[in-house]
């Protein structure tokens, strides 16, 4: 089971089937606001941030509702709420903290991260030709801690033609985890 903290721009109609499938498999979603942009959310007033947070929660919850033509999928979150929040760029302000607490959400940050999104992709249509994943996956694994009960690992969502090496790195990382007899849980 995995928790995905996603931005609203990753919950458009093209991704609803993916979201539905992940929910059916027992995964869960957290709020990462509208966009993962620097220098915006940390400047908002309490009222402005609450509005942004609630709008993003509403958008995310709507993406979890099966479309009318899909009658086989049933998805729910506990009390139709979003439990998890991850501040964009990991920048949590006092204002954000207060609103998150008042909204009964939990802020999560990872302890394993290596700017997987920043690796240049030589050929976006053939990410397997780019071997940056050979650096990313082992680096991420070296950060994993089993001594404190586990780690929160941050990988960025790959998209066709954009951050596709993240997918290859995640696949490689999960293979390493499996060979070391560790498991991924939510």
C-alpha atoms as a PDB file:
ATOM      1  CA  UNK A   1       0.000   0.000   0.000  1.00  0.00           C
ATOM      2  CA  UNK A   2       1.322   3.397  -0.971  1.00  0.00           C
ATOM      3  CA  UNK A   3       0.291   6.955  -0.174  1.00  0.00           C
ATOM      4  CA  UNK A   4       0.403   9.323  -3.118  1.00  0.00           C
ATOM      5  CA  UNK A   5       0.562  13.032  -2.330  1.00  0.00           C
ATOM      6  CA  UNK A   6      -0.456  14.524  -5.639  1.00  0.00           C
ATOM      7  CA  UNK A   7      -1.108  17.963  -7.027  1.00  0.00           C
ATOM      8  CA  UNK A   8      -4.454  18.772  -8.617  1.00  0.00           C
ATOM      9  CA  UNK A   9      -2.830  19.177 -12.010  1.00  0.00           C
ATOM     10  CA  UNK A  10      -2.187  15.396 -11.833  1.00  0.00           C
ATOM     11  CA  UNK A  11      -5.863  14.606 -11.217  1.00  0.00           C
ATOM     12  CA  UNK A  12      -7.315  15.608 -14.565  1.00  0.00           C
ATOM     13  CA  UNK A  13      -9.746  13.390 -16.465  1.00  0.00           C
ATOM     14  CA  UNK A  14      -6.895  11.551 -18.179  1.00  0.00           C
ATOM     15  CA  UNK A  15      -5.689  10.210 -14.820  1.00  0.00           C
ATOM     16  CA  UNK A  16      -9.047   9.305 -13.235  1.00  0.00           C
ATOM     17  CA  UNK A  17      -8.791   5.655 -14.328  1.00  0.00           C
ATOM     18  CA  UNK A  18      -5.327   5.434 -12.775  1.00  0.00           C
ATOM     19  CA  UNK A  19      -6.587   7.005  -9.541  1.00  0.00           C
ATOM     20  CA  UNK A  20      -9.561   4.615  -9.457  1.00  0.00           C
ATOM     21  CA  UNK A  21      -7.302   1.616 -10.027  1.00  0.00           C
ATOM     22  CA  UNK A  22      -4.882   2.669  -7.279  1.00  0.00           C
ATOM     23  CA  UNK A  23      -7.748   3.203  -4.838  1.00  0.00           C
ATOM     24  CA  UNK A  24      -9.166  -0.234  -5.637  1.00  0.00           C
ATOM     25  CA  UNK A  25      -5.752  -1.712  -4.866  1.00  0.00           C
ATOM     26  CA  UNK A  26      -5.872  -0.133  -1.389  1.00  0.00           C
ATOM     27  CA  UNK A  27      -3.595   2.849  -1.970  1.00  0.00           C
ATOM     28  CA  UNK A  28      -4.438   6.286  -0.624  1.00  0.00           C
ATOM     29  CA  UNK A  29      -3.991   9.890  -1.653  1.00  0.00           C
ATOM     30  CA  UNK A  30      -2.842  13.029   0.077  1.00  0.00           C
ATOM     31  CA  UNK A  31      -3.089  16.688  -0.834  1.00  0.00           C
ATOM     32  CA  UNK A  32      -0.062  18.386  -2.425  1.00  0.00           C
ATOM     33  CA  UNK A  33      -2.176  21.444  -3.418  1.00  0.00           C
ATOM     34  CA  UNK A  34      -2.869  22.717  -6.934  1.00  0.00           C
ATOM     35  CA  UNK A  35       0.758  22.846  -8.088  1.00  0.00           C
ATOM     36  CA  UNK A  36       4.132  22.168  -6.518  1.00  0.00           C
ATOM     37  CA  UNK A  37       5.381  25.734  -6.938  1.00  0.00           C
ATOM     38  CA  UNK A  38       7.918  27.628  -4.914  1.00  0.00           C
ATOM     39  CA  UNK A  39       7.285  31.018  -3.363  1.00  0.00           C
ATOM     40  CA  UNK A  40       3.495  31.091  -3.464  1.00  0.00           C
ATOM     41  CA  UNK A  41       1.774  29.056  -0.757  1.00  0.00           C
ATOM     42  CA  UNK A  42       4.207  30.150   1.938  1.00  0.00           C
ATOM     43  CA  UNK A  43       3.134  33.798   1.354  1.00  0.00           C
ATOM     44  CA  UNK A  44      -0.609  33.251   1.828  1.00  0.00           C
ATOM     45  CA  UNK A  45      -2.678  34.464   4.753  1.00  0.00           C
ATOM     46  CA  UNK A  46      -4.445  31.885   6.895  1.00  0.00           C
ATOM     47  CA  UNK A  47      -7.748  32.503   5.099  1.00  0.00           C
ATOM     48  CA  UNK A  48      -6.132  32.307   1.638  1.00  0.00           C
ATOM     49  CA  UNK A  49      -4.259  29.117   2.472  1.00  0.00           C
ATOM     50  CA  UNK A  50      -7.384  27.468   3.922  1.00  0.00           C
ATOM     51  CA  UNK A  51      -9.227  28.281   0.694  1.00  0.00           C
ATOM     52  CA  UNK A  52      -6.414  26.774  -1.418  1.00  0.00           C
ATOM     53  CA  UNK A  53      -6.283  23.673   0.801  1.00  0.00           C
ATOM     54  CA  UNK A  54     -10.039  23.101   0.767  1.00  0.00           C
ATOM     55  CA  UNK A  55     -10.246  23.659  -2.990  1.00  0.00           C
ATOM     56  CA  UNK A  56      -7.452  21.144  -3.538  1.00  0.00           C
ATOM     57  CA  UNK A  57      -9.109  18.643  -1.159  1.00  0.00           C
ATOM     58  CA  UNK A  58     -12.412  19.026  -2.991  1.00  0.00           C
ATOM     59  CA  UNK A  59     -10.740  18.565  -6.377  1.00  0.00           C
ATOM     60  CA  UNK A  60      -8.899  15.469  -5.158  1.00  0.00           C
ATOM     61  CA  UNK A  61     -12.046  13.951  -3.636  1.00  0.00           C
ATOM     62  CA  UNK A  62     -13.930  14.574  -6.895  1.00  0.00           C
ATOM     63  CA  UNK A  63     -11.229  12.714  -8.805  1.00  0.00           C
ATOM     64  CA  UNK A  64     -11.852   9.710  -6.534  1.00  0.00           C
ATOM     65  CA  UNK A  65     -15.533   9.466  -7.464  1.00  0.00           C
ATOM     66  CA  UNK A  66     -16.125   6.950 -10.242  1.00  0.00           C
ATOM     67  CA  UNK A  67     -17.467   8.389 -13.481  1.00  0.00           C
ATOM     68  CA  UNK A  68     -21.058   7.418 -14.370  1.00  0.00           C
ATOM     69  CA  UNK A  69     -19.952   5.062 -17.136  1.00  0.00           C
ATOM     70  CA  UNK A  70     -17.817   3.146 -14.589  1.00  0.00           C
ATOM     71  CA  UNK A  71     -20.248   1.262 -12.365  1.00  0.00           C
ATOM     72  CA  UNK A  72     -17.775  -1.383 -11.204  1.00  0.00           C
ATOM     73  CA  UNK A  73     -15.503   0.882  -9.185  1.00  0.00           C
ATOM     74  CA  UNK A  74     -16.359   1.951  -5.671  1.00  0.00           C
ATOM     75  CA  UNK A  75     -14.005   4.221  -3.838  1.00  0.00           C
ATOM     76  CA  UNK A  76     -14.177   5.865  -0.484  1.00  0.00           C
ATOM     77  CA  UNK A  77     -11.894   7.640   1.869  1.00  0.00           C
ATOM     78  CA  UNK A  78     -12.631   7.635   5.564  1.00  0.00           C
ATOM     79  CA  UNK A  79     -15.442  10.156   6.095  1.00  0.00           C
ATOM     80  CA  UNK A  80     -14.800  11.503   2.583  1.00  0.00           C
ATOM     81  CA  UNK A  81     -11.840  13.478   3.833  1.00  0.00           C
ATOM     82  CA  UNK A  82      -8.227  13.750   2.839  1.00  0.00           C
ATOM     83  CA  UNK A  83      -5.966  12.792   5.734  1.00  0.00           C
ATOM     84  CA  UNK A  84      -2.496  13.544   4.393  1.00  0.00           C
ATOM     85  CA  UNK A  85      -0.879  16.810   3.347  1.00  0.00           C
ATOM     86  CA  UNK A  86       2.585  17.471   1.971  1.00  0.00           C
ATOM     87  CA  UNK A  87       3.680  21.083   1.721  1.00  0.00           C
ATOM     88  CA  UNK A  88       4.916  22.076  -1.730  1.00  0.00           C
ATOM     89  CA  UNK A  89       8.711  21.966  -1.859  1.00  0.00           C
ATOM     90  CA  UNK A  90       8.595  20.714   1.743  1.00  0.00           C
ATOM     91  CA  UNK A  91       8.201  24.319   2.958  1.00  0.00           C
ATOM     92  CA  UNK A  92       5.761  24.309   5.872  1.00  0.00           C
ATOM     93  CA  UNK A  93       4.942  27.667   7.441  1.00  0.00           C
ATOM     94  CA  UNK A  94       3.341  28.438  10.796  1.00  0.00           C
ATOM     95  CA  UNK A  95       0.182  29.480   8.948  1.00  0.00           C
ATOM     96  CA  UNK A  96       0.075  26.185   7.056  1.00  0.00           C
ATOM     97  CA  UNK A  97       0.684  24.211  10.245  1.00  0.00           C
ATOM     98  CA  UNK A  98      -2.211  25.959  12.016  1.00  0.00           C
ATOM     99  CA  UNK A  99      -4.632  25.399   9.130  1.00  0.00           C
ATOM    100  CA  UNK A 100      -3.575  21.757   8.656  1.00  0.00           C
ATOM    101  CA  UNK A 101      -4.170  21.099  12.355  1.00  0.00           C
ATOM    102  CA  UNK A 102      -7.559  22.860  12.290  1.00  0.00           C
ATOM    103  CA  UNK A 103      -8.544  20.799   9.239  1.00  0.00           C
ATOM    104  CA  UNK A 104      -7.548  17.571  11.079  1.00  0.00           C
ATOM    105  CA  UNK A 105      -4.912  16.684   8.499  1.00  0.00           C
ATOM    106  CA  UNK A 106      -1.409  15.319   9.009  1.00  0.00           C
ATOM    107  CA  UNK A 107       1.653  16.828   7.351  1.00  0.00           C
ATOM    108  CA  UNK A 108       4.128  14.282   6.034  1.00  0.00           C
ATOM    109  CA  UNK A 109       7.666  14.766   4.854  1.00  0.00           C
ATOM    110  CA  UNK A 110      10.055  12.156   3.625  1.00  0.00           C
ATOM    111  CA  UNK A 111      13.449  11.175   4.955  1.00  0.00           C
ATOM    112  CA  UNK A 112      14.641   9.680   1.650  1.00  0.00           C
ATOM    113  CA  UNK A 113      14.948  12.081  -1.246  1.00  0.00           C
ATOM    114  CA  UNK A 114      17.459  12.823  -4.000  1.00  0.00           C
ATOM    115  CA  UNK A 115      15.962  15.288  -6.506  1.00  0.00           C
ATOM    116  CA  UNK A 116      14.921  12.448  -8.785  1.00  0.00           C
ATOM    117  CA  UNK A 117      13.046  14.977 -10.929  1.00  0.00           C
ATOM    118  CA  UNK A 118      16.192  16.979 -11.674  1.00  0.00           C
ATOM    119  CA  UNK A 119      18.047  14.372 -13.698  1.00  0.00           C
ATOM    120  CA  UNK A 120      18.211  15.312 -17.330  1.00  0.00           C
ATOM    121  CA  UNK A 121      16.537  12.951 -19.718  1.00  0.00           C
ATOM    122  CA  UNK A 122      18.499  12.385 -22.890  1.00  0.00           C
ATOM    123  CA  UNK A 123      15.570  10.913 -24.765  1.00  0.00           C
ATOM    124  CA  UNK A 124      12.126  11.394 -23.242  1.00  0.00           C
ATOM    125  CA  UNK A 125      10.543   8.800 -25.502  1.00  0.00           C
ATOM    126  CA  UNK A 126      13.074   6.139 -24.506  1.00  0.00           C
ATOM    127  CA  UNK A 127      13.786   6.620 -20.781  1.00  0.00           C
ATOM    128  CA  UNK A 128      15.407   3.202 -20.583  1.00  0.00           C
ATOM    129  CA  UNK A 129      18.290   4.671 -22.587  1.00  0.00           C
ATOM    130  CA  UNK A 130      18.971   7.107 -19.772  1.00  0.00           C
ATOM    131  CA  UNK A 131      20.852   5.409 -16.958  1.00  0.00           C
ATOM    132  CA  UNK A 132      20.382   8.073 -14.239  1.00  0.00           C
ATOM    133  CA  UNK A 133      18.112   5.584 -12.457  1.00  0.00           C
ATOM    134  CA  UNK A 134      21.289   3.576 -11.761  1.00  0.00           C
ATOM    135  CA  UNK A 135      22.325   6.470  -9.520  1.00  0.00           C
ATOM    136  CA  UNK A 136      18.903   7.405  -8.087  1.00  0.00           C
ATOM    137  CA  UNK A 137      17.679   3.989  -6.913  1.00  0.00           C
ATOM    138  CA  UNK A 138      20.790   2.951  -4.916  1.00  0.00           C
ATOM    139  CA  UNK A 139      21.128   6.448  -3.436  1.00  0.00           C
ATOM    140  CA  UNK A 140      17.526   6.356  -2.258  1.00  0.00           C
ATOM    141  CA  UNK A 141      17.992   2.878  -0.815  1.00  0.00           C
ATOM    142  CA  UNK A 142      21.096   3.931   1.155  1.00  0.00           C
ATOM    143  CA  UNK A 143      18.897   6.515   2.900  1.00  0.00           C
ATOM    144  CA  UNK A 144      16.252   3.962   3.949  1.00  0.00           C
ATOM    145  CA  UNK A 145      16.276   3.305   7.667  1.00  0.00           C
ATOM    146  CA  UNK A 146      14.864   0.152   9.189  1.00  0.00           C
ATOM    147  CA  UNK A 147      16.207   1.021  12.650  1.00  0.00           C
ATOM    148  CA  UNK A 148      13.489   3.628  13.314  1.00  0.00           C
ATOM    149  CA  UNK A 149      10.598   1.553  12.034  1.00  0.00           C
ATOM    150  CA  UNK A 150      10.923   2.622   8.425  1.00  0.00           C
ATOM    151  CA  UNK A 151      11.298   5.537   6.085  1.00  0.00           C
ATOM    152  CA  UNK A 152       9.151   7.775   3.933  1.00  0.00           C
ATOM    153  CA  UNK A 153      10.567   7.766   0.416  1.00  0.00           C
ATOM    154  CA  UNK A 154       9.762  10.577  -2.020  1.00  0.00           C
ATOM    155  CA  UNK A 155       9.629   9.852  -5.736  1.00  0.00           C
ATOM    156  CA  UNK A 156       8.075  12.272  -8.196  1.00  0.00           C
ATOM    157  CA  UNK A 157       5.309  11.133 -10.500  1.00  0.00           C
ATOM    158  CA  UNK A 158       6.569  10.361 -13.994  1.00  0.00           C
ATOM    159  CA  UNK A 159       4.588  11.466 -17.023  1.00  0.00           C
ATOM    160  CA  UNK A 160       5.051  10.598 -20.670  1.00  0.00           C
ATOM    161  CA  UNK A 161       7.802  12.828 -21.985  1.00  0.00           C
ATOM    162  CA  UNK A 162       8.438  14.347 -18.546  1.00  0.00           C
ATOM    163  CA  UNK A 163      10.284  12.777 -15.611  1.00  0.00           C
ATOM    164  CA  UNK A 164      10.041   9.335 -17.208  1.00  0.00           C
ATOM    165  CA  UNK A 165      13.320   8.324 -15.618  1.00  0.00           C
ATOM    166  CA  UNK A 166      11.495   8.616 -12.257  1.00  0.00           C
ATOM    167  CA  UNK A 167       9.464   5.565 -13.272  1.00  0.00           C
ATOM    168  CA  UNK A 168      12.575   3.565 -14.123  1.00  0.00           C
ATOM    169  CA  UNK A 169      14.253   4.684 -10.884  1.00  0.00           C
ATOM    170  CA  UNK A 170      11.186   3.723  -8.828  1.00  0.00           C
ATOM    171  CA  UNK A 171      11.027   0.312 -10.492  1.00  0.00           C
ATOM    172  CA  UNK A 172      14.724  -0.260  -9.768  1.00  0.00           C
ATOM    173  CA  UNK A 173      14.279   0.974  -6.172  1.00  0.00           C
ATOM    174  CA  UNK A 174      11.395  -1.455  -5.557  1.00  0.00           C
ATOM    175  CA  UNK A 175      13.509  -4.318  -6.910  1.00  0.00           C
ATOM    176  CA  UNK A 176      16.301  -3.406  -4.474  1.00  0.00           C
ATOM    177  CA  UNK A 177      13.812  -3.247  -1.590  1.00  0.00           C
ATOM    178  CA  UNK A 178      12.495  -6.681  -2.537  1.00  0.00           C
ATOM    179  CA  UNK A 179      15.954  -8.290  -2.718  1.00  0.00           C
ATOM    180  CA  UNK A 180      16.779  -6.874   0.739  1.00  0.00           C
ATOM    181  CA  UNK A 181      13.565  -8.423   2.101  1.00  0.00           C
ATOM    182  CA  UNK A 182      12.047  -5.054   3.016  1.00  0.00           C
ATOM    183  CA  UNK A 183       8.536  -3.988   2.106  1.00  0.00           C
ATOM    184  CA  UNK A 184       6.683  -0.883   1.086  1.00  0.00           C
ATOM    185  CA  UNK A 185       3.663  -0.011   3.201  1.00  0.00           C
ATOM    186  CA  UNK A 186       1.492   3.020   3.754  1.00  0.00           C
END
